[in-house]
Structure formats: C-alpha cells, structure tokens
C-alpha atoms as a PDB file:
ATOM      1  CA  UNK A   1     128.718  88.860 179.467  1.00  0.00           C
ATOM      2  CA  UNK A   2     129.232  85.526 177.723  1.00  0.00           C
ATOM      3  CA  UNK A   3     127.766  84.783 174.319  1.00  0.00           C
ATOM      4  CA  UNK A   4     124.398  83.122 174.449  1.00  0.00           C
ATOM      5  CA  UNK A   5     122.578  81.785 171.428  1.00  0.00           C
ATOM      6  CA  UNK A   6     118.918  80.895 171.458  1.00  0.00           C
ATOM      7  CA  UNK A   7     115.768  81.901 169.624  1.00  0.00           C
ATOM      8  CA  UNK A   8     113.359  83.397 172.135  1.00  0.00           C
ATOM      9  CA  UNK A   9     109.622  82.807 172.072  1.00  0.00           C
ATOM     10  CA  UNK A  10     108.118  86.132 173.055  1.00  0.00           C
ATOM     11  CA  UNK A  11     104.620  87.618 173.310  1.00  0.00           C
ATOM     12  CA  UNK A  12     103.559  90.005 170.579  1.00  0.00           C
ATOM     13  CA  UNK A  13     104.422  93.601 171.361  1.00  0.00           C
ATOM     14  CA  UNK A  14     107.378  92.733 173.632  1.00  0.00           C
ATOM     15  CA  UNK A  15     110.276  95.134 172.826  1.00  0.00           C
ATOM     16  CA  UNK A  16     112.540  92.270 171.706  1.00  0.00           C
ATOM     17  CA  UNK A  17     109.699  90.760 169.645  1.00  0.00           C
ATOM     18  CA  UNK A  18     109.510  94.123 167.853  1.00  0.00           C
ATOM     19  CA  UNK A  19     113.268  94.105 167.240  1.00  0.00           C
ATOM     20  CA  UNK A  20     112.916  90.708 165.551  1.00  0.00           C
ATOM     21  CA  UNK A  21     110.001  91.963 163.436  1.00  0.00           C
ATOM     22  CA  UNK A  22     112.202  94.854 162.329  1.00  0.00           C
ATOM     23  CA  UNK A  23     115.042  92.434 161.605  1.00  0.00           C
ATOM     24  CA  UNK A  24     112.893  90.705 158.984  1.00  0.00           C
ATOM     25  CA  UNK A  25     112.162  94.091 157.371  1.00  0.00           C
ATOM     26  CA  UNK A  26     115.840  95.104 157.448  1.00  0.00           C
ATOM     27  CA  UNK A  27     116.962  91.821 155.870  1.00  0.00           C
ATOM     28  CA  UNK A  28     114.387  92.301 153.109  1.00  0.00           C
ATOM     29  CA  UNK A  29     115.620  95.855 152.451  1.00  0.00           C
ATOM     30  CA  UNK A  30     119.272  94.731 152.441  1.00  0.00           C
ATOM     31  CA  UNK A  31     118.476  92.064 149.869  1.00  0.00           C
ATOM     32  CA  UNK A  32     116.662  94.627 147.738  1.00  0.00           C
ATOM     33  CA  UNK A  33     119.378  97.265 147.908  1.00  0.00           C
ATOM     34  CA  UNK A  34     122.108  94.789 146.979  1.00  0.00           C
ATOM     35  CA  UNK A  35     120.099  93.666 143.968  1.00  0.00           C
ATOM     36  CA  UNK A  36     119.779  97.194 142.570  1.00  0.00           C
ATOM     37  CA  UNK A  37     122.591  98.743 140.573  1.00  0.00           C
ATOM     38  CA  UNK A  38     122.629 102.516 141.279  1.00  0.00           C
ATOM     39  CA  UNK A  39     124.395 103.040 137.940  1.00  0.00           C
ATOM     40  CA  UNK A  40     121.289 101.725 136.173  1.00  0.00           C
ATOM     41  CA  UNK A  41     118.354 102.605 138.452  1.00  0.00           C
ATOM     42  CA  UNK A  42     119.324 105.319 140.918  1.00  0.00           C
ATOM     43  CA  UNK A  43     115.711 106.328 141.785  1.00  0.00           C
ATOM     44  CA  UNK A  44     114.871 102.761 142.867  1.00  0.00           C
ATOM     45  CA  UNK A  45     118.070 102.575 144.893  1.00  0.00           C
ATOM     46  CA  UNK A  46     117.239 105.908 146.557  1.00  0.00           C
ATOM     47  CA  UNK A  47     113.768 104.700 147.540  1.00  0.00           C
ATOM     48  CA  UNK A  48     115.128 101.550 149.197  1.00  0.00           C
ATOM     49  CA  UNK A  49     117.940 103.509 150.855  1.00  0.00           C
ATOM     50  CA  UNK A  50     115.475 105.976 152.382  1.00  0.00           C
ATOM     51  CA  UNK A  51     113.459 103.096 153.840  1.00  0.00           C
ATOM     52  CA  UNK A  52     116.630 101.625 155.287  1.00  0.00           C
ATOM     53  CA  UNK A  53     117.424 105.004 156.855  1.00  0.00           C
ATOM     54  CA  UNK A  54     114.548 104.473 159.274  1.00  0.00           C
ATOM     55  CA  UNK A  55     116.868 102.057 161.096  1.00  0.00           C
ATOM     56  CA  UNK A  56     117.783 105.199 163.052  1.00  0.00           C
ATOM     57  CA  UNK A  57     114.606 104.630 165.083  1.00  0.00           C
ATOM     58  CA  UNK A  58     115.939 101.204 166.037  1.00  0.00           C
ATOM     59  CA  UNK A  59     119.275 102.710 167.080  1.00  0.00           C
ATOM     60  CA  UNK A  60     117.514 105.437 169.080  1.00  0.00           C
ATOM     61  CA  UNK A  61     115.328 102.937 170.965  1.00  0.00           C
ATOM     62  CA  UNK A  62     118.353 100.901 171.933  1.00  0.00           C
ATOM     63  CA  UNK A  63     120.370 103.938 173.024  1.00  0.00           C
ATOM     64  CA  UNK A  64     117.559 105.678 174.915  1.00  0.00           C
ATOM     65  CA  UNK A  65     115.522 102.730 176.206  1.00  0.00           C
ATOM     66  CA  UNK A  66     117.250  99.335 176.213  1.00  0.00           C
ATOM     67  CA  UNK A  67     120.739 100.503 177.177  1.00  0.00           C
ATOM     68  CA  UNK A  68     119.602 102.594 180.199  1.00  0.00           C
ATOM     69  CA  UNK A  69     117.714  99.609 181.636  1.00  0.00           C
ATOM     70  CA  UNK A  70     120.802  97.422 181.194  1.00  0.00           C
ATOM     71  CA  UNK A  71     122.988 100.070 182.847  1.00  0.00           C
ATOM     72  CA  UNK A  72     120.747  99.978 185.928  1.00  0.00           C
ATOM     73  CA  UNK A  73     121.479  96.241 186.145  1.00  0.00           C
ATOM     74  CA  UNK A  74     125.222  96.818 185.886  1.00  0.00           C
ATOM     75  CA  UNK A  75     125.807  95.971 182.206  1.00  0.00           C
ATOM     76  CA  UNK A  76     127.304  99.037 180.508  1.00  0.00           C
ATOM     77  CA  UNK A  77     129.013  97.309 177.578  1.00  0.00           C
ATOM     78  CA  UNK A  78     126.223  97.954 175.050  1.00  0.00           C
ATOM     79  CA  UNK A  79     126.150 101.651 175.949  1.00  0.00           C
ATOM     80  CA  UNK A  80     129.787 101.915 174.950  1.00  0.00           C
ATOM     81  CA  UNK A  81     130.638  99.305 172.317  1.00  0.00           C
ATOM     82  CA  UNK A  82     127.357  99.001 170.443  1.00  0.00           C
ATOM     83  CA  UNK A  83     126.699 102.751 170.418  1.00  0.00           C
ATOM     84  CA  UNK A  84     130.053 103.152 168.637  1.00  0.00           C
ATOM     85  CA  UNK A  85     128.848 100.521 166.169  1.00  0.00           C
ATOM     86  CA  UNK A  86     125.716 102.608 165.567  1.00  0.00           C
ATOM     87  CA  UNK A  87     127.808 105.718 164.961  1.00  0.00           C
ATOM     88  CA  UNK A  88     129.996 103.932 162.425  1.00  0.00           C
ATOM     89  CA  UNK A  89     126.885 102.930 160.486  1.00  0.00           C
ATOM     90  CA  UNK A  90     125.527 106.474 160.758  1.00  0.00           C
ATOM     91  CA  UNK A  91     128.735 107.725 159.140  1.00  0.00           C
ATOM     92  CA  UNK A  92     128.284 105.228 156.309  1.00  0.00           C
ATOM     93  CA  UNK A  93     124.681 106.367 155.833  1.00  0.00           C
ATOM     94  CA  UNK A  94     125.803 110.009 155.744  1.00  0.00           C
ATOM     95  CA  UNK A  95     128.504 109.208 153.173  1.00  0.00           C
ATOM     96  CA  UNK A  96     126.023 107.560 150.816  1.00  0.00           C
ATOM     97  CA  UNK A  97     123.561 110.426 151.374  1.00  0.00           C
ATOM     98  CA  UNK A  98     126.306 112.803 150.298  1.00  0.00           C
ATOM     99  CA  UNK A  99     126.975 110.821 147.121  1.00  0.00           C
ATOM    100  CA  UNK A 100     123.231 110.726 146.385  1.00  0.00           C
ATOM    101  CA  UNK A 101     123.146 114.494 146.732  1.00  0.00           C
ATOM    102  CA  UNK A 102     126.159 114.794 144.417  1.00  0.00           C
ATOM    103  CA  UNK A 103     124.573 112.311 141.963  1.00  0.00           C
ATOM    104  CA  UNK A 104     127.594 110.025 142.085  1.00  0.00           C
ATOM    105  CA  UNK A 105     126.315 106.463 141.538  1.00  0.00           C
ATOM    106  CA  UNK A 106     129.842 105.083 141.125  1.00  0.00           C
ATOM    107  CA  UNK A 107     130.764 106.013 144.706  1.00  0.00           C
ATOM    108  CA  UNK A 108     127.378 104.776 145.912  1.00  0.00           C
ATOM    109  CA  UNK A 109     128.000 101.386 144.331  1.00  0.00           C
ATOM    110  CA  UNK A 110     131.446 101.223 145.955  1.00  0.00           C
ATOM    111  CA  UNK A 111     130.259 102.102 149.477  1.00  0.00           C
ATOM    112  CA  UNK A 112     126.971 100.196 149.674  1.00  0.00           C
ATOM    113  CA  UNK A 113     128.598  96.791 150.449  1.00  0.00           C
ATOM    114  CA  UNK A 114     130.311  98.283 153.511  1.00  0.00           C
ATOM    115  CA  UNK A 115     126.985  99.565 154.848  1.00  0.00           C
ATOM    116  CA  UNK A 116     125.195  96.287 154.173  1.00  0.00           C
ATOM    117  CA  UNK A 117     127.944  94.196 155.769  1.00  0.00           C
ATOM    118  CA  UNK A 118     127.998  96.453 158.844  1.00  0.00           C
ATOM    119  CA  UNK A 119     124.249  96.143 159.387  1.00  0.00           C
ATOM    120  CA  UNK A 120     124.382  92.341 159.048  1.00  0.00           C
ATOM    121  CA  UNK A 121     127.217  92.168 161.603  1.00  0.00           C
ATOM    122  CA  UNK A 122     125.319  94.415 164.011  1.00  0.00           C
ATOM    123  CA  UNK A 123     122.195  92.276 163.816  1.00  0.00           C
ATOM    124  CA  UNK A 124     124.322  89.198 164.467  1.00  0.00           C
ATOM    125  CA  UNK A 125     125.642  90.697 167.696  1.00  0.00           C
ATOM    126  CA  UNK A 126     122.120  91.730 168.677  1.00  0.00           C
ATOM    127  CA  UNK A 127     120.655  88.282 168.107  1.00  0.00           C
ATOM    128  CA  UNK A 128     123.499  86.257 169.628  1.00  0.00           C
ATOM    129  CA  UNK A 129     124.597  88.485 172.529  1.00  0.00           C
ATOM    130  CA  UNK A 130     122.552  91.612 173.243  1.00  0.00           C
ATOM    131  CA  UNK A 131     118.983  90.312 173.191  1.00  0.00           C
ATOM    132  CA  UNK A 132     119.567  86.918 174.902  1.00  0.00           C
ATOM    133  CA  UNK A 133     121.484  88.534 177.759  1.00  0.00           C
ATOM    134  CA  UNK A 134     118.979  91.371 178.067  1.00  0.00           C
ATOM    135  CA  UNK A 135     116.163  88.826 178.362  1.00  0.00           C
ATOM    136  CA  UNK A 136     118.087  87.070 181.145  1.00  0.00           C
ATOM    137  CA  UNK A 137     118.872  90.299 183.021  1.00  0.00           C
ATOM    138  CA  UNK A 138     115.685  92.345 182.808  1.00  0.00           C
ATOM    139  CA  UNK A 139     112.352  91.635 184.495  1.00  0.00           C
ATOM    140  CA  UNK A 140     108.919  91.692 182.892  1.00  0.00           C
ATOM    141  CA  UNK A 141     108.225  95.021 184.619  1.00  0.00           C
ATOM    142  CA  UNK A 142     111.410  96.415 183.047  1.00  0.00           C
ATOM    143  CA  UNK A 143     110.174  95.422 179.584  1.00  0.00           C
ATOM    144  CA  UNK A 144     106.725  96.891 180.257  1.00  0.00           C
ATOM    145  CA  UNK A 145     108.241 100.218 181.317  1.00  0.00           C
ATOM    146  CA  UNK A 146     110.623 100.142 178.362  1.00  0.00           C
ATOM    147  CA  UNK A 147     107.770  99.635 175.915  1.00  0.00           C
ATOM    148  CA  UNK A 148     105.994 102.715 177.276  1.00  0.00           C
ATOM    149  CA  UNK A 149     109.025 104.864 176.474  1.00  0.00           C
ATOM    150  CA  UNK A 150     109.398 103.408 172.989  1.00  0.00           C
ATOM    151  CA  UNK A 151     106.115 105.014 171.938  1.00  0.00           C
ATOM    152  CA  UNK A 152     107.861 108.402 171.821  1.00  0.00           C
ATOM    153  CA  UNK A 153     110.621 107.229 169.487  1.00  0.00           C
ATOM    154  CA  UNK A 154     108.720 104.956 167.129  1.00  0.00           C
ATOM    155  CA  UNK A 155     109.574 101.897 165.057  1.00  0.00           C
ATOM    156  CA  UNK A 156     110.616 100.971 161.523  1.00  0.00           C
ATOM    157  CA  UNK A 157     107.395  99.018 161.079  1.00  0.00           C
ATOM    158  CA  UNK A 158     104.577 100.441 158.959  1.00  0.00           C
ATOM    159  CA  UNK A 159     102.008  99.753 161.697  1.00  0.00           C
ATOM    160  CA  UNK A 160     102.153 100.337 165.441  1.00  0.00           C
ATOM    161  CA  UNK A 161     103.015  97.038 167.169  1.00  0.00           C
ATOM    162  CA  UNK A 162     100.367  95.404 169.356  1.00  0.00           C
ATOM    163  CA  UNK A 163     100.310  96.540 173.001  1.00  0.00           C
ATOM    164  CA  UNK A 164     102.485  94.880 175.611  1.00  0.00           C
ATOM    165  CA  UNK A 165     101.336  93.416 177.870  1.00  0.00           C
ATOM    166  CA  UNK A 166      98.242  92.312 175.968  1.00  0.00           C
ATOM    167  CA  UNK A 167      95.192  94.317 177.033  1.00  0.00           C
ATOM    168  CA  UNK A 168      92.483  92.008 178.351  1.00  0.00           C
ATOM    169  CA  UNK A 169      88.967  92.833 179.483  1.00  0.00           C
ATOM    170  CA  UNK A 170      88.559  93.158 183.256  1.00  0.00           C
ATOM    171  CA  UNK A 171      85.100  93.379 184.761  1.00  0.00           C
ATOM    172  CA  UNK A 172      84.623  96.658 186.661  1.00  0.00           C
ATOM    173  CA  UNK A 173      83.940  94.719 189.877  1.00  0.00           C
ATOM    174  CA  UNK A 174      87.413  93.142 189.610  1.00  0.00           C
ATOM    175  CA  UNK A 175      89.344  96.218 188.476  1.00  0.00           C
ATOM    176  CA  UNK A 176      91.562  97.425 191.328  1.00  0.00           C
ATOM    177  CA  UNK A 177      94.038  99.362 189.149  1.00  0.00           C
ATOM    178  CA  UNK A 178      95.283 102.615 190.675  1.00  0.00           C
ATOM    179  CA  UNK A 179      95.215 105.208 187.902  1.00  0.00           C
ATOM    180  CA  UNK A 180      96.310 108.810 187.567  1.00  0.00           C
ATOM    181  CA  UNK A 181      93.378 111.191 187.737  1.00  0.00           C
ATOM    182  CA  UNK A 182      92.655 112.889 184.369  1.00  0.00           C
ATOM    183  CA  UNK A 183      92.068 116.341 185.860  1.00  0.00           C
ATOM    184  CA  UNK A 184      94.553 119.171 186.317  1.00  0.00           C
ATOM    185  CA  UNK A 185      95.847 120.237 189.729  1.00  0.00           C
ATOM    186  CA  UNK A 186      94.351 123.526 190.830  1.00  0.00           C
ATOM    187  CA  UNK A 187      97.199 124.603 193.108  1.00  0.00           C
ATOM    188  CA  UNK A 188      99.830 126.799 191.534  1.00  0.00           C
ATOM    189  CA  UNK A 189     103.523 127.155 192.331  1.00  0.00           C
ATOM    190  CA  UNK A 190     105.266 130.469 192.765  1.00  0.00           C
ATOM    191  CA  UNK A 191     108.171 131.082 190.378  1.00  0.00           C
ATOM    192  CA  UNK A 192     110.543 134.046 190.251  1.00  0.00           C
ATOM    193  CA  UNK A 193     107.897 136.035 188.426  1.00  0.00           C
ATOM    194  CA  UNK A 194     104.285 134.885 188.420  1.00  0.00           C
ATOM    195  CA  UNK A 195     102.341 131.723 189.182  1.00  0.00           C
ATOM    196  CA  UNK A 196     101.729 128.651 187.018  1.00  0.00           C
ATOM    197  CA  UNK A 197     100.053 125.295 187.439  1.00  0.00           C
ATOM    198  CA  UNK A 198     101.880 122.040 186.707  1.00  0.00           C
ATOM    199  CA  UNK A 199      99.770 121.692 183.552  1.00  0.00           C
ATOM    200  CA  UNK A 200     100.753 125.170 182.377  1.00  0.00           C
ATOM    201  CA  UNK A 201     104.443 124.465 182.965  1.00  0.00           C
ATOM    202  CA  UNK A 202     104.222 121.239 180.953  1.00  0.00           C
ATOM    203  CA  UNK A 203     102.410 123.058 178.144  1.00  0.00           C
ATOM    204  CA  UNK A 204     105.096 125.741 178.145  1.00  0.00           C
ATOM    205  CA  UNK A 205     107.911 123.200 177.791  1.00  0.00           C
ATOM    206  CA  UNK A 206     106.061 121.263 175.099  1.00  0.00           C
ATOM    207  CA  UNK A 207     105.406 124.406 173.049  1.00  0.00           C
ATOM    208  CA  UNK A 208     108.929 125.857 173.173  1.00  0.00           C
ATOM    209  CA  UNK A 209     110.750 125.259 169.842  1.00  0.00           C
ATOM    210  CA  UNK A 210     113.779 123.913 171.701  1.00  0.00           C
ATOM    211  CA  UNK A 211     115.080 120.601 172.999  1.00  0.00           C
ATOM    212  CA  UNK A 212     115.844 121.002 176.702  1.00  0.00           C
ATOM    213  CA  UNK A 213     117.551 118.416 178.915  1.00  0.00           C
ATOM    214  CA  UNK A 214     118.438 119.057 182.557  1.00  0.00           C
ATOM    215  CA  UNK A 215     121.290 117.132 184.188  1.00  0.00           C
ATOM    216  CA  UNK A 216     121.639 117.599 187.961  1.00  0.00           C
ATOM    217  CA  UNK A 217     124.807 118.147 190.009  1.00  0.00           C
ATOM    218  CA  UNK A 218     125.285 114.370 190.255  1.00  0.00           C
ATOM    219  CA  UNK A 219     125.435 114.046 186.455  1.00  0.00           C
ATOM    220  CA  UNK A 220     122.028 112.333 186.310  1.00  0.00           C
ATOM    221  CA  UNK A 221     119.361 113.283 183.750  1.00  0.00           C
ATOM    222  CA  UNK A 222     116.328 114.529 185.690  1.00  0.00           C
ATOM    223  CA  UNK A 223     114.239 116.228 182.983  1.00  0.00           C
ATOM    224  CA  UNK A 224     113.684 116.667 179.263  1.00  0.00           C
ATOM    225  CA  UNK A 225     110.876 118.463 177.460  1.00  0.00           C
ATOM    226  CA  UNK A 226     108.494 116.685 175.098  1.00  0.00           C
ATOM    227  CA  UNK A 227     108.266 118.924 172.069  1.00  0.00           C
ATOM    228  CA  UNK A 228     106.275 118.041 168.979  1.00  0.00           C
ATOM    229  CA  UNK A 229     109.394 117.678 166.861  1.00  0.00           C
ATOM    230  CA  UNK A 230     112.535 117.069 168.893  1.00  0.00           C
ATOM    231  CA  UNK A 231     115.880 117.412 167.130  1.00  0.00           C
ATOM    232  CA  UNK A 232     117.330 114.435 169.011  1.00  0.00           C
ATOM    233  CA  UNK A 233     115.165 111.551 170.283  1.00  0.00           C
ATOM    234  CA  UNK A 234     114.557 111.228 174.012  1.00  0.00           C
ATOM    235  CA  UNK A 235     112.404 108.816 175.970  1.00  0.00           C
ATOM    236  CA  UNK A 236     111.524 108.121 179.591  1.00  0.00           C
ATOM    237  CA  UNK A 237     114.361 105.607 179.917  1.00  0.00           C
ATOM    238  CA  UNK A 238     116.962 108.367 180.250  1.00  0.00           C
ATOM    239  CA  UNK A 239     115.484 109.809 183.462  1.00  0.00           C
ATOM    240  CA  UNK A 240     117.923 108.948 186.238  1.00  0.00           C
ATOM    241  CA  UNK A 241     120.576 107.891 183.720  1.00  0.00           C
ATOM    242  CA  UNK A 242     124.187 109.052 183.964  1.00  0.00           C
ATOM    243  CA  UNK A 243     124.752 111.660 181.298  1.00  0.00           C
ATOM    244  CA  UNK A 244     127.936 109.965 180.077  1.00  0.00           C
ATOM    245  CA  UNK A 245     125.751 107.149 178.752  1.00  0.00           C
ATOM    246  CA  UNK A 246     123.399 109.560 176.947  1.00  0.00           C
ATOM    247  CA  UNK A 247     125.914 110.648 174.308  1.00  0.00           C
ATOM    248  CA  UNK A 248     127.788 108.799 171.574  1.00  0.00           C
ATOM    249  CA  UNK A 249     131.127 107.421 172.847  1.00  0.00           C
ATOM    250  CA  UNK A 250     133.106 109.710 170.547  1.00  0.00           C
ATOM    251  CA  UNK A 251     131.623 112.819 172.198  1.00  0.00           C
ATOM    252  CA  UNK A 252     131.578 111.642 175.829  1.00  0.00           C
ATOM    253  CA  UNK A 253     135.020 113.101 176.541  1.00  0.00           C
ATOM    254  CA  UNK A 254     133.878 116.564 175.454  1.00  0.00           C
ATOM    255  CA  UNK A 255     130.692 116.354 177.529  1.00  0.00           C
ATOM    256  CA  UNK A 256     132.584 115.258 180.657  1.00  0.00           C
ATOM    257  CA  UNK A 257     135.097 118.092 180.185  1.00  0.00           C
ATOM    258  CA  UNK A 258     132.235 120.611 179.989  1.00  0.00           C
ATOM    259  CA  UNK A 259     130.672 119.218 183.181  1.00  0.00           C
ATOM    260  CA  UNK A 260     134.023 119.312 184.986  1.00  0.00           C
ATOM    261  CA  UNK A 261     134.709 122.940 184.075  1.00  0.00           C
ATOM    262  CA  UNK A 262     131.141 123.939 184.982  1.00  0.00           C
ATOM    263  CA  UNK A 263     131.471 122.163 188.330  1.00  0.00           C
ATOM    264  CA  UNK A 264     134.794 123.906 189.068  1.00  0.00           C
ATOM    265  CA  UNK A 265     133.267 127.273 188.159  1.00  0.00           C
ATOM    266  CA  UNK A 266     135.818 128.071 185.437  1.00  0.00           C
ATOM    267  CA  UNK A 267     133.203 128.090 182.656  1.00  0.00           C
ATOM    268  CA  UNK A 268     129.473 128.757 182.389  1.00  0.00           C
ATOM    269  CA  UNK A 269     128.526 128.174 178.751  1.00  0.00           C
ATOM    270  CA  UNK A 270     129.609 126.138 175.738  1.00  0.00           C
ATOM    271  CA  UNK A 271     128.227 126.123 172.193  1.00  0.00           C
ATOM    272  CA  UNK A 272     128.430 123.875 169.133  1.00  0.00           C
ATOM    273  CA  UNK A 273     126.693 123.687 165.774  1.00  0.00           C
ATOM    274  CA  UNK A 274     126.423 120.640 163.531  1.00  0.00           C
ATOM    275  CA  UNK A 275     124.783 119.535 160.296  1.00  0.00           C
ATOM    276  CA  UNK A 276     122.212 116.862 161.103  1.00  0.00           C
ATOM    277  CA  UNK A 277     119.788 115.400 158.562  1.00  0.00           C
ATOM    278  CA  UNK A 278     120.393 118.365 156.246  1.00  0.00           C
ATOM    279  CA  UNK A 279     119.531 120.826 159.030  1.00  0.00           C
ATOM    280  CA  UNK A 280     121.803 123.170 160.991  1.00  0.00           C
ATOM    281  CA  UNK A 281     121.541 122.386 164.714  1.00  0.00           C
ATOM    282  CA  UNK A 282     122.733 124.786 167.426  1.00  0.00           C
ATOM    283  CA  UNK A 283     123.653 123.018 170.680  1.00  0.00           C
ATOM    284  CA  UNK A 284     124.359 124.980 173.873  1.00  0.00           C
ATOM    285  CA  UNK A 285     125.255 123.968 177.413  1.00  0.00           C
ATOM    286  CA  UNK A 286     124.612 126.256 180.390  1.00  0.00           C
ATOM    287  CA  UNK A 287     125.822 125.785 183.968  1.00  0.00           C
ATOM    288  CA  UNK A 288     122.995 125.996 186.522  1.00  0.00           C
ATOM    289  CA  UNK A 289     123.872 127.674 189.821  1.00  0.00           C
ATOM    290  CA  UNK A 290     121.843 128.725 192.849  1.00  0.00           C
ATOM    291  CA  UNK A 291     121.831 132.127 194.515  1.00  0.00           C
ATOM    292  CA  UNK A 292     125.063 131.228 196.324  1.00  0.00           C
ATOM    293  CA  UNK A 293     126.788 130.188 193.077  1.00  0.00           C
ATOM    294  CA  UNK A 294     126.689 126.505 194.039  1.00  0.00           C
ATOM    295  CA  UNK A 295     126.711 124.209 191.023  1.00  0.00           C
ATOM    296  CA  UNK A 296     123.288 122.594 190.476  1.00  0.00           C
ATOM    297  CA  UNK A 297     123.789 120.936 187.123  1.00  0.00           C
ATOM    298  CA  UNK A 298     123.656 121.785 183.445  1.00  0.00           C
ATOM    299  CA  UNK A 299     120.997 122.509 180.839  1.00  0.00           C
ATOM    300  CA  UNK A 300     121.534 121.227 177.301  1.00  0.00           C
ATOM    301  CA  UNK A 301     119.594 123.189 174.706  1.00  0.00           C
ATOM    302  CA  UNK A 302     119.353 122.147 171.048  1.00  0.00           C
ATOM    303  CA  UNK A 303     117.604 124.137 168.325  1.00  0.00           C
ATOM    304  CA  UNK A 304     117.134 123.798 164.575  1.00  0.00           C
ATOM    305  CA  UNK A 305     118.350 127.175 163.281  1.00  0.00           C
ATOM    306  CA  UNK A 306     118.298 126.347 159.556  1.00  0.00           C
ATOM    307  CA  UNK A 307     115.419 128.731 158.791  1.00  0.00           C
ATOM    308  CA  UNK A 308     116.567 131.329 161.317  1.00  0.00           C
ATOM    309  CA  UNK A 309     119.874 131.701 159.466  1.00  0.00           C
ATOM    310  CA  UNK A 310     117.969 132.639 156.310  1.00  0.00           C
ATOM    311  CA  UNK A 311     116.372 135.715 157.908  1.00  0.00           C
ATOM    312  CA  UNK A 312     117.365 139.032 156.338  1.00  0.00           C
ATOM    313  CA  UNK A 313     116.120 142.601 156.650  1.00  0.00           C
ATOM    314  CA  UNK A 314     112.872 143.106 158.565  1.00  0.00           C
ATOM    315  CA  UNK A 315     109.372 141.634 158.655  1.00  0.00           C
ATOM    316  CA  UNK A 316     106.738 143.852 160.245  1.00  0.00           C
ATOM    317  CA  UNK A 317     103.528 142.646 158.576  1.00  0.00           C
ATOM    318  CA  UNK A 318     101.429 139.537 159.115  1.00  0.00           C
ATOM    319  CA  UNK A 319     101.467 137.259 156.060  1.00  0.00           C
ATOM    320  CA  UNK A 320      99.087 134.433 156.968  1.00  0.00           C
ATOM    321  CA  UNK A 321      97.008 134.867 153.807  1.00  0.00           C
END
C-alpha cells in the first residue's frame, strides 16, 4: 500500500469518523499528561493516565474489527506491523503502571515521553496510511457490518456514537426490510446427553465464566461465546478469520506450533498463565477430534483465576446475608 494523505469527510457514526473523534480526545489527554509533573502531583497524573489507558478499546477495535475486514480484501500489513506497534505501547503502559504501583514518580517522569511519542507516531500512521487506504478498499456494507461488531468492544468516548448508517423514519407501507423473528425456535437438537434449544445453548455459553473460542481444522475462527465480562475482547469480525491474525505477532509462532502439533496428533493440550490488568489469567488450548480421532480444530479457553487461587480450606454454608 502506498501512502495516501487526505482528510476524509465522513458521516457521523462511521467507524473512521469515530476514530477521528477519539483522536481529538487522545491528543487532549497527551497534552494534559505532558503538562503534569508526577513528582509534584502524582494523583492528577494517575487520573489522566487511567483515562489514556482506555486507548486499549481503540486497539481492540482495530485488531478485532478493522484488520479482519482488510485481511479479507488482501491487505494483511496492519494485522502484522500495526499490531506489533500496539503491543509495544501496551508494554510502555504496563511499565508505567508498575511504577505507579511502586510509587516511583522519578521513573514515571522518565518513561512518559516514550509513551506519548509512541502514541503520536501511531496516530500519524493511522491518519496518513491506515484510514485512507481502508476507506479506498472497503465498501459501505463492510463499514456497516464493522460498526455492528464494534458495539461489543466499546469506544474511548464518554457517550455512545450516533448510529451508522443514520436511522431514518420509513413509513410501514414502504418498509420491506427482512428481519430476524424475535421468537425462539421450538425444535431442539440432540446432543451426547440430553436435548437443548438454540436459545438454551446460547444462554449456556453466555453464562459460563469462561472465554471460549473455537478454531476449525482449517485454522479459521468459527465461534466464540459472548460472556458478560470477557477476559480478552472479541467481536463478530473474527468469525471466518485465520487464527494467525487473531493473536499478537509476538505470540503467533507459539500458536501455530500448537496447531501443528495438535494436527499431527502428537499433543492434545497446552496451558499458559499470564498477569493481565492485575488479574491472573489461565489460558488453555484443547485439540478437538471426532470419534475416529480425526483433527477437527482447537478450543481456546481463558479464565480469570485470581479469586480461585485464593480459596483455602472448605466452604459448606451459604453466606448471601
């Protein structure tokens, strides 16, 4: 992709319009944080820093929504190069969080310019390369579908952006929209043990305190569950996406090795645990095989086990009161 520079005129609520609204907020926060000396007013610095931390939502929307749509059009550069850029900034955020926890304003003052400079450089690449090319490549229907998925991840903005496309009144006599029926299917499906409706299966997956993602034998994401509080953000844009584009570049090699060993039948399970946003996260991968031991994909399961690790002894009584 060649560099393109122009200022787009976009309708309110368009995904790129939202990115530009966030850019104004980010620039304001960067100006504020550079004007505060953490040696003098650490609480004020911390407040601004925590607001700036919500830039993670912006990163997540790009990684889980914008990048997958670009991949489908043949442009995979952002999924690789810019995701690495995101991860570098995440490391800088984590470093400053550590120094805040250790109450070390001197180190905070030293590292803040690196974070600020990195964010400015990222926004420059977005404005001059990523967004102009994305607007040239993607169709209006792509942007409409993308916006639907963004609802699950959220935005940095204090208020929900206006809908896209703009909702206009249509007289009932002229409304020919085909809509999904709001009632549940009565027919059930037979599982290994018992019967459940589609609605019941969806409720089960939403209620489970786990993040589940299913990648099929062709390394394509075909399912994820929508829990109330997912550990890692997911949105509809990843369905049908190659799994190698769903992980940070620095961990792709490990993921591909796991898939290769699962496919060959030499391994069936792999586990990791990481510290993420001050929580301990347990991540497990399981090979999926049919009755004939044929490889049918992999399930990734992530769970916040911070509170589970604190359990000691026994608890036999109800303590709701």
